Amino acid sequence: MADNRDRLAAPAWATTAGLGFLTINSGLAIYRADGDPGSILFVVGSYAALLLLFRCLRDYERAPPGSPARERARRAVWPLTALLTLGFAWKVAAVMPSAAAAAVVWGLAVATTAGGFFALFVRA
């Protein structure tokens, strides 16, 4: 069991560096938002959703197969990924040069979200 846990755990420095980069980048995005409440809320919400997603993925990987903890983590992953996917699609579609390009962005986001649901719940 300990061997499996060691194999799944990322090196502490890599995890710390990744979360540090995410935190610094989010802080800089808030600074560049220049007081725009919508942009600040988007950055804070995305940051929180990413942290929750990383936590759920870690819990999923560490829980034994078939356990209630693993099932809870699996059920939490899809809403978080859907939230992030659709949130970023909203921001990207807003800056697309045409309505057709924005529709493609939304179509890809919906397809990705539906595919995630299928993979996590229908196919699992």
N, C-alpha and C. Protein backbone atom coordinates (compact mmCIF):
# COMPACT_ATOMS: atom_id res chain seq x y z
N MET A 1 0.81 -1.19 0.00
CA MET A 1 0.00 0.00 0.00
C MET A 1 0.87 1.26 0.00
N ALA A 2 1.90 1.28 0.83
CA ALA A 2 2.77 2.45 0.88
C ALA A 2 3.49 2.65 -0.44
N ASP A 3 3.85 1.53 -1.12
CA ASP A 3 4.52 1.63 -2.40
C ASP A 3 3.60 2.29 -3.43
N ASN A 4 2.32 1.91 -3.43
CA ASN A 4 1.35 2.49 -4.34
C ASN A 4 1.17 3.98 -4.06
N ARG A 5 1.14 4.35 -2.79
CA ARG A 5 0.99 5.75 -2.42
C ARG A 5 2.20 6.57 -2.87
N ASP A 6 3.41 6.01 -2.74
CA ASP A 6 4.62 6.70 -3.19
C ASP A 6 4.62 6.87 -4.70
N ARG A 7 4.12 5.86 -5.41
CA ARG A 7 4.11 5.92 -6.87
C ARG A 7 3.15 7.00 -7.36
N LEU A 8 2.02 7.18 -6.66
CA LEU A 8 1.03 8.16 -7.09
C LEU A 8 1.38 9.58 -6.69
N ALA A 9 2.16 9.75 -5.66
CA ALA A 9 2.47 11.09 -5.15
C ALA A 9 3.49 11.78 -6.06
N ALA A 10 3.19 13.01 -6.41
CA ALA A 10 4.14 13.81 -7.19
C ALA A 10 5.22 14.30 -6.24
N PRO A 11 6.40 14.59 -6.78
CA PRO A 11 7.44 15.16 -5.91
C PRO A 11 6.93 16.45 -5.28
N ALA A 12 7.25 16.64 -4.03
CA ALA A 12 6.75 17.80 -3.29
C ALA A 12 7.16 19.11 -3.94
N TRP A 13 8.36 19.17 -4.49
CA TRP A 13 8.81 20.43 -5.10
C TRP A 13 8.01 20.75 -6.35
N ALA A 14 7.61 19.74 -7.12
CA ALA A 14 6.84 19.99 -8.34
C ALA A 14 5.45 20.50 -8.00
N THR A 15 4.83 19.91 -7.00
CA THR A 15 3.51 20.35 -6.57
C THR A 15 3.57 21.77 -6.03
N THR A 16 4.55 22.04 -5.20
CA THR A 16 4.71 23.37 -4.63
C THR A 16 4.98 24.41 -5.71
N ALA A 17 5.84 24.06 -6.66
CA ALA A 17 6.15 24.99 -7.75
C ALA A 17 4.92 25.26 -8.61
N GLY A 18 4.17 24.22 -8.93
CA GLY A 18 2.97 24.40 -9.75
C GLY A 18 1.92 25.26 -9.07
N LEU A 19 1.67 24.98 -7.79
CA LEU A 19 0.69 25.78 -7.07
C LEU A 19 1.21 27.21 -6.83
N GLY A 20 2.51 27.34 -6.64
CA GLY A 20 3.08 28.67 -6.50
C GLY A 20 2.94 29.48 -7.78
N PHE A 21 3.20 28.84 -8.92
CA PHE A 21 3.04 29.52 -10.22
C PHE A 21 1.59 29.93 -10.43
N LEU A 22 0.66 29.02 -10.12
CA LEU A 22 -0.77 29.32 -10.26
C LEU A 22 -1.17 30.49 -9.38
N THR A 23 -0.68 30.52 -8.15
CA THR A 23 -1.01 31.59 -7.22
C THR A 23 -0.45 32.93 -7.68
N ILE A 24 0.81 32.93 -8.10
CA ILE A 24 1.43 34.17 -8.58
C ILE A 24 0.73 34.67 -9.84
N ASN A 25 0.45 33.77 -10.76
CA ASN A 25 -0.22 34.15 -12.00
C ASN A 25 -1.62 34.70 -11.72
N SER A 26 -2.33 34.08 -10.78
CA SER A 26 -3.67 34.57 -10.43
C SER A 26 -3.58 35.95 -9.77
N GLY A 27 -2.60 36.13 -8.91
CA GLY A 27 -2.41 37.44 -8.28
C GLY A 27 -2.10 38.52 -9.30
N LEU A 28 -1.26 38.19 -10.27
CA LEU A 28 -0.95 39.16 -11.33
C LEU A 28 -2.17 39.47 -12.19
N ALA A 29 -3.00 38.46 -12.45
CA ALA A 29 -4.22 38.69 -13.23
C ALA A 29 -5.18 39.61 -12.47
N ILE A 30 -5.27 39.44 -11.17
CA ILE A 30 -6.12 40.32 -10.36
C ILE A 30 -5.56 41.75 -10.38
N TYR A 31 -4.25 41.87 -10.28
CA TYR A 31 -3.61 43.19 -10.34
C TYR A 31 -3.88 43.87 -11.69
N ARG A 32 -3.77 43.09 -12.78
CA ARG A 32 -4.00 43.64 -14.12
C ARG A 32 -5.47 43.92 -14.39
N ALA A 33 -6.37 43.34 -13.59
CA ALA A 33 -7.80 43.57 -13.79
C ALA A 33 -8.16 45.03 -13.53
N ASP A 34 -7.32 45.72 -12.82
CA ASP A 34 -7.46 47.16 -12.61
C ASP A 34 -8.82 47.52 -11.99
N GLY A 35 -9.24 46.72 -11.01
CA GLY A 35 -10.46 47.03 -10.28
C GLY A 35 -11.75 46.58 -10.93
N ASP A 36 -11.68 45.89 -12.06
CA ASP A 36 -12.89 45.39 -12.72
C ASP A 36 -13.46 44.21 -11.93
N PRO A 37 -14.62 44.38 -11.30
CA PRO A 37 -15.14 43.32 -10.43
C PRO A 37 -15.42 42.01 -11.17
N GLY A 38 -15.88 42.08 -12.40
CA GLY A 38 -16.15 40.86 -13.16
C GLY A 38 -14.89 40.06 -13.43
N SER A 39 -13.83 40.74 -13.79
CA SER A 39 -12.56 40.05 -14.06
C SER A 39 -11.96 39.47 -12.78
N ILE A 40 -12.04 40.23 -11.71
CA ILE A 40 -11.51 39.75 -10.43
C ILE A 40 -12.29 38.54 -9.96
N LEU A 41 -13.61 38.58 -10.07
CA LEU A 41 -14.44 37.45 -9.68
C LEU A 41 -14.13 36.22 -10.53
N PHE A 42 -13.90 36.42 -11.82
CA PHE A 42 -13.56 35.31 -12.70
C PHE A 42 -12.25 34.66 -12.28
N VAL A 43 -11.25 35.46 -12.01
CA VAL A 43 -9.94 34.93 -11.61
C VAL A 43 -10.04 34.19 -10.28
N VAL A 44 -10.70 34.79 -9.30
CA VAL A 44 -10.83 34.17 -7.98
C VAL A 44 -11.64 32.87 -8.09
N GLY A 45 -12.72 32.91 -8.85
CA GLY A 45 -13.53 31.70 -9.03
C GLY A 45 -12.78 30.59 -9.74
N SER A 46 -12.02 30.94 -10.77
CA SER A 46 -11.23 29.94 -11.49
C SER A 46 -10.14 29.36 -10.60
N TYR A 47 -9.50 30.22 -9.83
CA TYR A 47 -8.45 29.77 -8.90
C TYR A 47 -9.03 28.79 -7.88
N ALA A 48 -10.16 29.15 -7.29
CA ALA A 48 -10.79 28.29 -6.28
C ALA A 48 -11.23 26.96 -6.91
N ALA A 49 -11.81 27.02 -8.10
CA ALA A 49 -12.25 25.79 -8.77
C ALA A 49 -11.07 24.89 -9.11
N LEU A 50 -9.96 25.47 -9.53
CA LEU A 50 -8.77 24.67 -9.82
C LEU A 50 -8.21 24.01 -8.57
N LEU A 51 -8.16 24.77 -7.47
CA LEU A 51 -7.67 24.17 -6.22
C LEU A 51 -8.58 23.03 -5.78
N LEU A 52 -9.89 23.22 -5.87
CA LEU A 52 -10.82 22.15 -5.51
C LEU A 52 -10.67 20.95 -6.44
N LEU A 53 -10.47 21.21 -7.72
CA LEU A 53 -10.29 20.12 -8.68
C LEU A 53 -9.03 19.32 -8.37
N PHE A 54 -7.94 20.00 -8.08
CA PHE A 54 -6.70 19.29 -7.74
C PHE A 54 -6.89 18.45 -6.48
N ARG A 55 -7.61 19.00 -5.52
CA ARG A 55 -7.86 18.25 -4.28
C ARG A 55 -8.71 17.00 -4.55
N CYS A 56 -9.75 17.16 -5.36
CA CYS A 56 -10.62 16.02 -5.68
C CYS A 56 -9.86 14.95 -6.47
N LEU A 57 -9.02 15.37 -7.40
CA LEU A 57 -8.23 14.41 -8.16
C LEU A 57 -7.25 13.66 -7.26
N ARG A 58 -6.64 14.37 -6.33
CA ARG A 58 -5.74 13.72 -5.38
C ARG A 58 -6.50 12.72 -4.51
N ASP A 59 -7.67 13.12 -4.04
CA ASP A 59 -8.48 12.22 -3.22
C ASP A 59 -8.90 10.99 -4.03
N TYR A 60 -9.25 11.20 -5.29
CA TYR A 60 -9.64 10.09 -6.16
C TYR A 60 -8.49 9.10 -6.35
N GLU A 61 -7.31 9.62 -6.61
CA GLU A 61 -6.15 8.75 -6.84
C GLU A 61 -5.74 7.99 -5.59
N ARG A 62 -5.93 8.57 -4.43
CA ARG A 62 -5.49 7.92 -3.20
C ARG A 62 -6.52 6.97 -2.60
N ALA A 63 -7.78 7.11 -2.99
CA ALA A 63 -8.82 6.25 -2.42
C ALA A 63 -8.77 4.86 -3.07
N PRO A 64 -9.06 3.83 -2.29
CA PRO A 64 -9.07 2.48 -2.86
C PRO A 64 -10.22 2.33 -3.87
N PRO A 65 -10.02 1.52 -4.90
CA PRO A 65 -11.07 1.31 -5.90
C PRO A 65 -12.36 0.80 -5.25
N GLY A 66 -13.48 1.38 -5.69
CA GLY A 66 -14.78 0.96 -5.19
C GLY A 66 -15.19 1.57 -3.87
N SER A 67 -14.34 2.40 -3.28
CA SER A 67 -14.66 2.98 -1.97
C SER A 67 -15.60 4.18 -2.13
N PRO A 68 -16.38 4.50 -1.08
CA PRO A 68 -17.25 5.68 -1.14
C PRO A 68 -16.46 6.99 -1.33
N ALA A 69 -15.26 7.06 -0.78
CA ALA A 69 -14.44 8.28 -0.95
C ALA A 69 -14.07 8.47 -2.41
N ARG A 70 -13.76 7.40 -3.09
CA ARG A 70 -13.40 7.49 -4.50
C ARG A 70 -14.62 7.91 -5.33
N GLU A 71 -15.78 7.39 -4.99
CA GLU A 71 -17.01 7.75 -5.69
C GLU A 71 -17.36 9.22 -5.48
N ARG A 72 -17.22 9.71 -4.25
CA ARG A 72 -17.47 11.13 -3.96
C ARG A 72 -16.54 12.03 -4.76
N ALA A 73 -15.27 11.66 -4.80
CA ALA A 73 -14.29 12.47 -5.54
C ALA A 73 -14.62 12.46 -7.02
N ARG A 74 -15.01 11.30 -7.55
CA ARG A 74 -15.36 11.21 -8.98
C ARG A 74 -16.56 12.09 -9.30
N ARG A 75 -17.54 12.09 -8.41
CA ARG A 75 -18.74 12.91 -8.64
C ARG A 75 -18.44 14.41 -8.54
N ALA A 76 -17.41 14.79 -7.82
CA ALA A 76 -17.05 16.20 -7.68
C ALA A 76 -16.20 16.71 -8.85
N VAL A 77 -15.52 15.81 -9.54
CA VAL A 77 -14.61 16.22 -10.61
C VAL A 77 -15.38 16.81 -11.79
N TRP A 78 -16.46 16.17 -12.21
CA TRP A 78 -17.16 16.64 -13.41
C TRP A 78 -17.72 18.06 -13.26
N PRO A 79 -18.44 18.39 -12.18
CA PRO A 79 -18.94 19.77 -12.08
C PRO A 79 -17.82 20.82 -12.07
N LEU A 80 -16.71 20.48 -11.44
CA LEU A 80 -15.60 21.43 -11.42
C LEU A 80 -15.00 21.62 -12.80
N THR A 81 -14.80 20.53 -13.53
CA THR A 81 -14.26 20.67 -14.89
C THR A 81 -15.25 21.36 -15.81
N ALA A 82 -16.54 21.07 -15.64
CA ALA A 82 -17.56 21.75 -16.45
C ALA A 82 -17.56 23.25 -16.16
N LEU A 83 -17.47 23.60 -14.88
CA LEU A 83 -17.43 25.02 -14.50
C LEU A 83 -16.24 25.73 -15.15
N LEU A 84 -15.08 25.13 -15.08
CA LEU A 84 -13.89 25.73 -15.67
C LEU A 84 -13.99 25.81 -17.19
N THR A 85 -14.44 24.74 -17.81
CA THR A 85 -14.55 24.72 -19.28
C THR A 85 -15.52 25.78 -19.77
N LEU A 86 -16.70 25.83 -19.18
CA LEU A 86 -17.70 26.79 -19.63
C LEU A 86 -17.33 28.22 -19.26
N GLY A 87 -16.66 28.40 -18.12
CA GLY A 87 -16.20 29.74 -17.74
C GLY A 87 -15.16 30.28 -18.71
N PHE A 88 -14.21 29.44 -19.08
CA PHE A 88 -13.20 29.90 -20.04
C PHE A 88 -13.79 30.07 -21.43
N ALA A 89 -14.77 29.24 -21.79
CA ALA A 89 -15.44 29.43 -23.09
C ALA A 89 -16.16 30.77 -23.12
N TRP A 90 -16.77 31.14 -22.02
CA TRP A 90 -17.47 32.42 -21.94
C TRP A 90 -16.50 33.57 -22.19
N LYS A 91 -15.32 33.52 -21.56
CA LYS A 91 -14.33 34.59 -21.74
C LYS A 91 -13.75 34.60 -23.16
N VAL A 92 -13.47 33.41 -23.70
CA VAL A 92 -12.88 33.33 -25.03
C VAL A 92 -13.90 33.73 -26.10
N ALA A 93 -15.13 33.25 -25.98
CA ALA A 93 -16.16 33.57 -26.97
C ALA A 93 -16.42 35.07 -27.03
N ALA A 94 -16.25 35.76 -25.91
CA ALA A 94 -16.50 37.20 -25.87
C ALA A 94 -15.50 37.99 -26.71
N VAL A 95 -14.32 37.44 -26.97
CA VAL A 95 -13.32 38.17 -27.75
C VAL A 95 -13.14 37.62 -29.16
N MET A 96 -13.99 36.70 -29.54
CA MET A 96 -13.91 36.16 -30.90
C MET A 96 -14.35 37.22 -31.91
N PRO A 97 -13.73 37.22 -33.10
CA PRO A 97 -14.03 38.27 -34.07
C PRO A 97 -15.41 38.14 -34.74
N SER A 98 -16.02 36.97 -34.68
CA SER A 98 -17.32 36.80 -35.32
C SER A 98 -18.21 35.90 -34.47
N ALA A 99 -19.49 35.96 -34.76
CA ALA A 99 -20.45 35.10 -34.05
C ALA A 99 -20.20 33.63 -34.38
N ALA A 100 -19.75 33.36 -35.60
CA ALA A 100 -19.47 31.97 -35.99
C ALA A 100 -18.31 31.40 -35.17
N ALA A 101 -17.28 32.19 -34.98
CA ALA A 101 -16.14 31.74 -34.17
C ALA A 101 -16.55 31.53 -32.72
N ALA A 102 -17.38 32.42 -32.19
CA ALA A 102 -17.87 32.26 -30.82
C ALA A 102 -18.73 31.00 -30.70
N ALA A 103 -19.52 30.71 -31.72
CA ALA A 103 -20.35 29.50 -31.72
C ALA A 103 -19.48 28.25 -31.72
N VAL A 104 -18.37 28.30 -32.44
CA VAL A 104 -17.45 27.16 -32.45
C VAL A 104 -16.85 26.96 -31.05
N VAL A 105 -16.47 28.04 -30.40
CA VAL A 105 -15.92 27.95 -29.05
C VAL A 105 -16.96 27.33 -28.11
N TRP A 106 -18.19 27.81 -28.16
CA TRP A 106 -19.24 27.26 -27.31
C TRP A 106 -19.54 25.80 -27.65
N GLY A 107 -19.54 25.48 -28.93
CA GLY A 107 -19.78 24.09 -29.33
C GLY A 107 -18.71 23.14 -28.81
N LEU A 108 -17.46 23.57 -28.88
CA LEU A 108 -16.37 22.75 -28.35
C LEU A 108 -16.46 22.61 -26.84
N ALA A 109 -16.83 23.69 -26.16
CA ALA A 109 -16.97 23.62 -24.70
C ALA A 109 -18.09 22.67 -24.30
N VAL A 110 -19.21 22.74 -24.99
CA VAL A 110 -20.34 21.85 -24.69
C VAL A 110 -19.96 20.41 -25.00
N ALA A 111 -19.28 20.18 -26.12
CA ALA A 111 -18.86 18.82 -26.47
C ALA A 111 -17.87 18.26 -25.45
N THR A 112 -16.95 19.08 -24.99
CA THR A 112 -15.99 18.65 -23.97
C THR A 112 -16.70 18.32 -22.66
N THR A 113 -17.63 19.16 -22.27
CA THR A 113 -18.37 18.93 -21.03
C THR A 113 -19.22 17.66 -21.13
N ALA A 114 -19.90 17.48 -22.25
CA ALA A 114 -20.71 16.27 -22.45
C ALA A 114 -19.82 15.02 -22.51
N GLY A 115 -18.67 15.13 -23.15
CA GLY A 115 -17.73 14.01 -23.20
C GLY A 115 -17.22 13.63 -21.82
N GLY A 116 -16.95 14.62 -20.99
CA GLY A 116 -16.52 14.35 -19.62
C GLY A 116 -17.61 13.65 -18.83
N PHE A 117 -18.85 14.08 -19.01
CA PHE A 117 -19.96 13.42 -18.32
C PHE A 117 -20.07 11.96 -18.78
N PHE A 118 -19.98 11.75 -20.07
CA PHE A 118 -20.07 10.39 -20.61
C PHE A 118 -18.96 9.52 -20.06
N ALA A 119 -17.73 10.04 -20.03
CA ALA A 119 -16.59 9.26 -19.57
C ALA A 119 -16.67 8.95 -18.08
N LEU A 120 -17.14 9.91 -17.29
CA LEU A 120 -17.15 9.73 -15.83
C LEU A 120 -18.37 9.00 -15.31
N PHE A 121 -19.50 9.10 -15.99
CA PHE A 121 -20.73 8.54 -15.43
C PHE A 121 -21.37 7.45 -16.28
N VAL A 122 -21.41 7.62 -17.57
CA VAL A 122 -22.08 6.64 -18.43
C VAL A 122 -21.16 5.45 -18.68
N ARG A 123 -19.93 5.72 -19.01
CA ARG A 123 -18.98 4.69 -19.39
C ARG A 123 -18.32 4.01 -18.19
N ALA A 124 -18.28 4.69 -17.06
CA ALA A 124 -17.54 4.19 -15.89
C ALA A 124 -18.13 2.95 -15.29
